[in-house]
Amino acid sequence: MHPLAKKLSTLALLFAAHVAWADEVQVAVAANFTAPMQKIAAEFEKDTGHKAQLSFGATGKFGAQIRNGAPFQVLLAADDETPAKLEKEAMTQPGSRFTYAIGKLVLWSAKPGYVDEKGEVLKKGEFHKLALANPKLAPYGLAAIESLTKLGVLGAVEGKFVQGENIAQTYQFISTGNAELGFVALSQVMKDGRISAGSAWIVPAILHTPIRQDGVILATGKGNAAAEALMKYLKGDKAKAIIKGYGYDL
């Protein structure tokens, strides 16, 4: 066989083996983790050949959907409570749950200079609408309620609430000006280590329960090579660098 033909034949065999080995995984992803997970998924496919099909939404809704038979194989939640409950209900692969990120809550306005560095804007109350995610479905919404309570301003501002179904919708309310300010995930407004637009106050972690974001392989993902590979990839240096770049702690 001609050397070039032999080389091409070898490459074709390697490609065929790669395709045969590659798998696909359906991943339910907390809305706050949209941007970093899109980047991670692209790198994951390049590095492993596996493909992660991503669906974004509220963690509480995903929990209900999974219990009702939704075909997800991996859950990347915005809390540690939902995966833990699914684990107790024998709906996950034992030993697969781990904390992939610790989220940060931020009070943000699309207007430059609107939110001060200490969050005093909340106490002044000179705004008409304050956006936050539904605290019954979204951990960042619950963290917002806890923070407002500790600051002693919940009663004064709750009449101004505009609730998003998830943190992505909450961001839309603020970015479009339907609310002057609101609580979102730092990852949504951070780029290259700084606030990308508007003005913000990073809410001190002592004001709310830590936002520990856990990932878990669901029972439906058992034996799926891509699910196993994705969880391993999230623990690797490349994924960790992306996660930290969006303002999360590890």
Protein backbone atom coordinates (compact mmCIF):
# COMPACT_ATOMS: atom_id res chain seq x y z
CA MET A 1 0.00 0.00 0.00
CA HIS A 2 1.21 3.51 -0.85
CA PRO A 3 2.47 5.32 2.32
CA LEU A 4 -0.08 8.16 1.88
CA ALA A 5 -2.95 5.72 1.38
CA LYS A 6 -1.78 3.78 4.44
CA LYS A 7 -1.72 6.96 6.55
CA LEU A 8 -5.19 7.98 5.36
CA SER A 9 -6.50 4.51 6.09
CA THR A 10 -5.10 4.67 9.63
CA LEU A 11 -6.64 8.11 10.21
CA ALA A 12 -10.00 6.87 8.92
CA LEU A 13 -9.89 3.95 11.35
CA LEU A 14 -8.97 6.24 14.24
CA PHE A 15 -11.79 8.63 13.33
CA ALA A 16 -14.29 5.77 13.10
CA ALA A 17 -13.18 4.50 16.51
CA HIS A 18 -13.49 8.02 17.94
CA VAL A 19 -17.03 8.42 16.57
CA ALA A 20 -18.05 4.99 17.84
CA TRP A 21 -16.69 5.82 21.29
CA ALA A 22 -18.17 9.32 21.50
CA ASP A 23 -21.44 9.64 23.37
CA GLU A 24 -24.03 12.34 24.06
CA VAL A 25 -25.41 13.51 27.40
CA GLN A 26 -28.53 15.55 28.17
CA VAL A 27 -27.68 18.13 30.83
CA ALA A 28 -30.08 20.26 32.89
CA VAL A 29 -28.15 23.43 33.81
CA ALA A 30 -29.08 26.13 36.33
CA ALA A 31 -29.75 29.39 34.46
CA ASN A 32 -26.99 31.28 36.32
CA PHE A 33 -24.42 28.87 34.87
CA THR A 34 -25.41 29.45 31.22
CA ALA A 35 -22.37 31.36 29.94
CA PRO A 36 -19.64 29.29 31.63
CA MET A 37 -21.35 26.00 30.74
CA GLN A 38 -21.64 26.94 27.08
CA LYS A 39 -17.88 27.52 27.04
CA ILE A 40 -17.15 24.35 28.98
CA ALA A 41 -19.38 22.25 26.71
CA ALA A 42 -17.54 23.50 23.62
CA GLU A 43 -14.15 22.67 25.13
CA PHE A 44 -15.47 19.33 26.42
CA GLU A 45 -16.53 18.29 22.92
CA LYS A 46 -13.20 19.38 21.41
CA ASP A 47 -11.17 17.56 24.05
CA THR A 48 -13.20 14.36 24.43
CA GLY A 49 -15.42 13.98 21.39
CA HIS A 50 -18.44 13.68 23.66
CA LYS A 51 -21.33 16.11 23.16
CA ALA A 52 -23.29 17.79 25.96
CA GLN A 53 -26.81 18.87 25.01
CA LEU A 54 -27.68 21.73 27.37
CA SER A 55 -31.04 22.89 28.72
CA PHE A 56 -31.13 25.98 30.96
CA GLY A 57 -33.70 26.89 33.59
CA ALA A 58 -34.70 27.14 37.24
CA THR A 59 -33.34 24.43 39.52
CA GLY A 60 -36.69 23.94 41.27
CA LYS A 61 -38.41 23.31 37.94
CA PHE A 62 -35.73 20.88 36.86
CA GLY A 63 -36.21 18.93 40.08
CA ALA A 64 -39.93 18.55 39.35
CA GLN A 65 -39.29 17.64 35.71
CA ILE A 66 -36.77 14.96 36.66
CA ARG A 67 -39.25 13.40 39.09
CA ASN A 68 -41.80 13.38 36.27
CA GLY A 69 -39.49 11.49 33.91
CA ALA A 70 -37.66 14.23 32.00
CA PRO A 71 -34.84 12.59 29.98
CA PHE A 72 -31.93 14.43 31.61
CA GLN A 73 -28.85 12.43 32.55
CA VAL A 74 -26.91 15.09 34.45
CA LEU A 75 -28.13 17.92 36.66
CA LEU A 76 -25.99 20.99 37.36
CA ALA A 77 -28.07 22.71 40.01
CA ALA A 78 -27.94 26.19 41.53
CA ASP A 79 -28.07 24.66 45.01
CA ASP A 80 -26.99 21.56 46.92
CA GLU A 81 -30.45 20.82 48.28
CA THR A 82 -32.13 19.67 45.05
CA PRO A 83 -29.43 17.13 44.11
CA ALA A 84 -29.34 15.89 47.73
CA LYS A 85 -33.10 15.30 47.70
CA LEU A 86 -32.91 13.44 44.39
CA GLU A 87 -30.09 11.37 45.86
CA LYS A 88 -32.26 10.40 48.86
CA GLU A 89 -35.04 9.45 46.45
CA ALA A 90 -32.64 7.05 44.65
CA MET A 91 -32.87 9.12 41.46
CA THR A 92 -29.12 9.66 41.09
CA GLN A 93 -26.01 7.60 40.54
CA PRO A 94 -24.56 6.95 44.00
CA GLY A 95 -21.33 8.80 44.77
CA SER A 96 -21.54 11.14 41.77
CA ARG A 97 -22.66 14.32 43.54
CA PHE A 98 -20.11 17.11 44.09
CA THR A 99 -19.95 20.91 44.39
CA TYR A 100 -18.80 22.31 41.05
CA ALA A 101 -19.10 26.02 42.01
CA ILE A 102 -20.03 28.40 44.80
CA GLY A 103 -22.15 31.22 43.46
CA LYS A 104 -22.06 34.91 44.29
CA LEU A 105 -25.11 37.14 44.48
CA VAL A 106 -24.91 40.67 43.10
CA LEU A 107 -27.23 43.68 43.19
CA TRP A 108 -27.04 45.05 39.65
CA SER A 109 -28.40 47.87 37.55
CA ALA A 110 -27.91 48.39 33.83
CA LYS A 111 -27.41 52.08 34.65
CA PRO A 112 -23.80 53.14 35.40
CA GLY A 113 -23.46 54.71 38.85
CA TYR A 114 -26.94 53.65 39.98
CA VAL A 115 -25.87 50.97 42.46
CA ASP A 116 -23.29 52.15 44.99
CA GLU A 117 -20.41 50.07 46.37
CA LYS A 118 -22.19 49.37 49.69
CA GLY A 119 -25.71 48.70 48.46
CA GLU A 120 -27.10 51.78 50.20
CA VAL A 121 -29.44 52.25 47.25
CA LEU A 122 -31.67 49.60 48.83
CA LYS A 123 -32.11 51.63 52.01
CA LYS A 124 -32.84 54.84 50.12
CA GLY A 125 -35.64 53.07 48.24
CA GLU A 126 -35.68 55.61 45.41
CA PHE A 127 -36.69 53.06 42.77
CA HIS A 128 -39.95 51.64 41.46
CA LYS A 129 -39.04 48.03 40.65
CA LEU A 130 -36.60 45.55 42.20
CA ALA A 131 -36.13 42.32 40.27
CA LEU A 132 -35.30 38.94 41.76
CA ALA A 133 -35.79 35.29 40.81
CA ASN A 134 -38.69 33.35 42.31
CA PRO A 135 -37.30 32.26 45.72
CA LYS A 136 -39.42 29.08 45.60
CA LEU A 137 -37.71 27.91 42.42
CA ALA A 138 -34.34 29.68 42.27
CA PRO A 139 -31.67 29.59 45.00
CA TYR A 140 -30.40 33.04 43.97
CA GLY A 141 -33.90 34.38 44.60
CA LEU A 142 -33.92 32.81 48.04
CA ALA A 143 -30.47 34.30 48.74
CA ALA A 144 -31.84 37.72 47.75
CA ILE A 145 -34.71 37.40 50.24
CA GLU A 146 -32.29 36.31 52.99
CA SER A 147 -30.03 39.28 52.25
CA LEU A 148 -32.87 41.81 52.26
CA THR A 149 -34.08 40.35 55.57
CA LYS A 150 -30.66 40.66 57.20
CA LEU A 151 -30.30 44.20 55.90
CA GLY A 152 -33.64 45.03 57.52
CA VAL A 153 -35.24 46.36 54.32
CA LEU A 154 -37.43 43.46 53.16
CA GLY A 155 -40.67 45.03 54.40
CA ALA A 156 -39.87 48.34 52.76
CA VAL A 157 -39.05 46.94 49.30
CA GLU A 158 -41.15 43.78 48.83
CA GLY A 159 -43.99 45.81 47.33
CA LYS A 160 -41.61 46.72 44.50
CA PHE A 161 -40.67 43.15 43.57
CA VAL A 162 -40.69 41.93 39.98
CA GLN A 163 -40.14 38.18 40.03
CA GLY A 164 -38.48 36.23 37.26
CA GLU A 165 -39.12 32.52 36.86
CA ASN A 166 -35.35 32.05 36.92
CA ILE A 167 -32.22 34.16 37.11
CA ALA A 168 -32.02 34.54 33.32
CA GLN A 169 -35.47 36.14 33.14
CA THR A 170 -34.57 38.33 36.13
CA TYR A 171 -31.51 39.59 34.26
CA GLN A 172 -33.75 40.44 31.29
CA PHE A 173 -36.03 42.55 33.48
CA ILE A 174 -33.07 44.64 34.60
CA SER A 175 -31.16 44.84 31.32
CA THR A 176 -34.25 46.05 29.46
CA GLY A 177 -35.06 48.67 32.10
CA ASN A 178 -38.30 47.06 33.30
CA ALA A 179 -36.68 47.16 36.73
CA GLU A 180 -34.12 49.78 37.74
CA LEU A 181 -32.09 47.21 39.65
CA GLY A 182 -32.23 43.66 40.95
CA PHE A 183 -30.44 40.59 42.22
CA VAL A 184 -28.67 38.34 39.73
CA ALA A 185 -25.70 35.99 39.68
CA LEU A 186 -22.30 37.64 39.44
CA SER A 187 -21.54 35.32 36.51
CA GLN A 188 -24.21 37.07 34.43
CA VAL A 189 -22.61 40.51 34.66
CA MET A 190 -18.91 39.66 34.92
CA LYS A 191 -16.54 39.42 31.97
CA ASP A 192 -12.77 39.09 32.16
CA GLY A 193 -12.83 39.60 35.92
CA ARG A 194 -14.83 42.84 35.97
CA ILE A 195 -18.43 44.05 35.80
CA SER A 196 -19.11 44.24 32.06
CA ALA A 197 -21.81 46.94 32.14
CA GLY A 198 -23.88 49.09 34.47
CA SER A 199 -23.18 49.23 38.21
CA ALA A 200 -23.13 46.57 40.89
CA TRP A 201 -22.65 45.64 44.53
CA ILE A 202 -21.43 42.13 45.28
CA VAL A 203 -23.58 41.02 48.21
CA PRO A 204 -21.42 39.88 51.15
CA ALA A 205 -21.63 36.12 51.60
CA ILE A 206 -22.47 36.54 55.31
CA LEU A 207 -25.89 37.93 54.35
CA HIS A 208 -27.20 34.68 52.91
CA THR A 209 -26.81 30.92 52.99
CA PRO A 210 -23.82 29.85 50.85
CA ILE A 211 -24.88 29.16 47.26
CA ARG A 212 -23.26 25.76 46.88
CA GLN A 213 -23.99 24.52 43.36
CA ASP A 214 -23.92 20.73 43.12
CA GLY A 215 -23.78 18.54 40.05
CA VAL A 216 -24.91 14.92 39.93
CA ILE A 217 -25.33 12.10 37.44
CA LEU A 218 -28.96 11.05 37.44
CA ALA A 219 -30.07 7.41 37.50
CA THR A 220 -30.94 7.78 33.81
CA GLY A 221 -27.28 8.58 33.10
CA LYS A 222 -25.93 5.32 34.46
CA GLY A 223 -23.57 3.73 31.94
CA ASN A 224 -23.45 6.87 29.77
CA ALA A 225 -19.78 7.49 28.95
CA ALA A 226 -20.39 11.17 28.19
CA ALA A 227 -22.05 11.75 31.58
CA GLU A 228 -19.09 10.21 33.40
CA ALA A 229 -16.63 12.15 31.26
CA LEU A 230 -18.43 15.46 31.78
CA MET A 231 -18.34 15.17 35.57
CA LYS A 232 -14.66 14.36 35.43
CA TYR A 233 -14.08 17.29 33.06
CA LEU A 234 -15.81 19.74 35.43
CA LYS A 235 -13.23 18.84 38.06
CA GLY A 236 -10.33 19.51 35.70
CA ASP A 237 -8.14 22.61 35.45
CA LYS A 238 -9.60 23.91 32.17
CA ALA A 239 -13.19 23.89 33.44
CA LYS A 240 -12.15 25.32 36.81
CA ALA A 241 -10.41 28.25 35.09
CA ILE A 242 -13.57 29.04 33.10
CA ILE A 243 -15.74 28.81 36.23
CA LYS A 244 -13.47 31.14 38.20
CA GLY A 245 -13.37 33.55 35.27
CA TYR A 246 -17.10 34.13 35.73
CA GLY A 247 -16.72 35.09 39.37
CA TYR A 248 -17.53 31.80 41.08
CA ASP A 249 -15.56 30.40 43.99
CA LEU A 250 -14.47 26.76 43.96
